Each structure stands twice: as structure tokens, then as C-alpha cells.
Amino acid sequence: MTWGLPELRSVARRRPLVQSAVLLVAAGVCLDAVARDPANTREPDWSYSGVAGPDRWGDLGGAYEPCARGELQSPIDIAETQRVTYTPLLFRYRSQLLEAENTGRGVRLISPPGSALVVRGQAYDLTEFSFHVPGLHGFQGVAAEAEIHMLHRDAQGGDVIVAVPLKAGERENRILDRILEYLPTQPGERVRQRQVGINPLFLLPIDRSYYRYTGSLVTPPCTEPVLWFVFREPLEVSAEQIRRIAEATGPNARPIQPLNGRPVFSLFRY
């Protein structure tokens, strides 16, 4: 900001004005410093329990207001749906090095450029995927034991999330086992394994039938709208693998949110 000083006709009249201007400039600099201080611009802390838990997210700060007042919040319970023509989801995922971060509220794996989801010719770049225990979305009132979220973003900054429910069975998922071997378990811990490759394509179920609805991010600031694709068929993994995910993430599922009249579409291959 530029401060203009009026011309003065005498030194006597000029001195107090200059002093006042200096004070104003100093005040402006101080206020600007306060505004730019990371301690003052840091997002409010939130958690999955206690006074900063999900039912209080919307009260923690202005940026988090959609968590309480948004009309398109996620997750939802999937019960009544409208059947529409199946549109395939094309997953152009590539192998990548394993890079993961424990945020203290969960674990996310960072995806470098190169992997994308294509829907009706529109590409959405995969940016990260994360684990949630238990599963967030309900299926006629019943949630899966865990859920993987594949976060994608288009060139305009729009978000698309693919949700993969997990169920405990006899089969171990080899890619998930490789991830779990190096999964950071301590808050703030970050790992990058240059010799370990993974491909998130192998974390998807065989049947790619899915539900589609418009929702939000499931963590603050609960931004909406977000386009959601939720697989109908869960990915089978072992009970031990789900236990190891839970050990690293802790409980990190937001409760079911009101549907508010939103349509939920089912796009089934069969």
C-alpha cells in the first residue's frame, strides 16, 4: 500500500504530519505482518472426536462453515437410487513410487502426475488416495469395514472422488500388502520408497458398477460440490489387512450426512 503525504509550506507544519504518517505506515506494516503471519492464517485444528469432532467442524472457523450449513455434504447412506445407463469409468492409472504421509487423522498416498480417471472424455488427474476406517458410505444403513478414497482433480480445480469399500475375507490384496509394509504409523511421519512401486489400479474391484451423486469433501473445509463415484462391489482384502490399516489411521470416518433430496444414481454393468 502506498501512503501519500500532502505538500507542506513550512517545516513547522510538516514535522507533525510526517510523524503522523510514519505512525500510520508503521501501523499498516504491523497489521499487514499480522495478516501474513502463518500463526494467524493457519486453519483451525479439527479431529474425529471431542470438542473439535465432526459435529463441531462447522463452528471452528469461517472456512469450515460448509461442514454445518452445506446442503451437499458427504458421506451419505445409499438406499433409494435411480437406475440410469451405465457409463464406464476409465482408469488410466500408472505404477508409481510409494510415497505416503500420516497426517495424524489418517494416511494418504501421494500420486505424481500421470494417472487419471476419464469419464465421457473428461480427464481427472489422480492426486492422492487415502484410507478410512470404518467405511463412510452406508449401503441401506450398513457401512463397509473400511473405505479407500481416490481423489481426482480436473484442470479447473473440480474434485472427483472414487470410493472403494473394503470387506474382510480370505483373500489378501498384494498391492495393499506392499503399501502396508511401509505405511507410516506415527502422526507427521512421511515415507518415500524409491525401490517400491505400486499401482492403484489393483485397489479397484473387478465389477466396476457404481453409484453416482453430488456431495462434498469428507474432511474440513467440507468443500462442495464434489462428484462422487461409489463402487457397488467391495474389494475383498484380509481381516489382518483391515486391522493394519486401522492401526495406522485410527477411527477416521465422518458420520452419515442428510441427503436433502439429492438424487443418487445407480450405474450397473449387469
Foldseek 3Di string as FASTA:
>chain_A
DDDDDDDDDDPVVPVVSVVVVVVVVVVVVVVVCCVPPCVNVPQFDAACDDPRHQVCQCVRDDLQVCSPVPQFADDAEDEDAAEDAAWDKDKQWDKDWWKWAQAVQFIKTADDFDTWIATPNFTWTFGIKTKAAQAAYHYNNHTARIKMWTWTAHPVGAIEIEIAGEHADDAAQPLLVLNLVPTDQDNGDIDTDPPDIHICVSQHDPFAWWKWWFHFDQDPSRDDTYIYTYGPDHDYHHPVSSVSRCSRNPHNYNHHDDNNPTHMYTHGPD
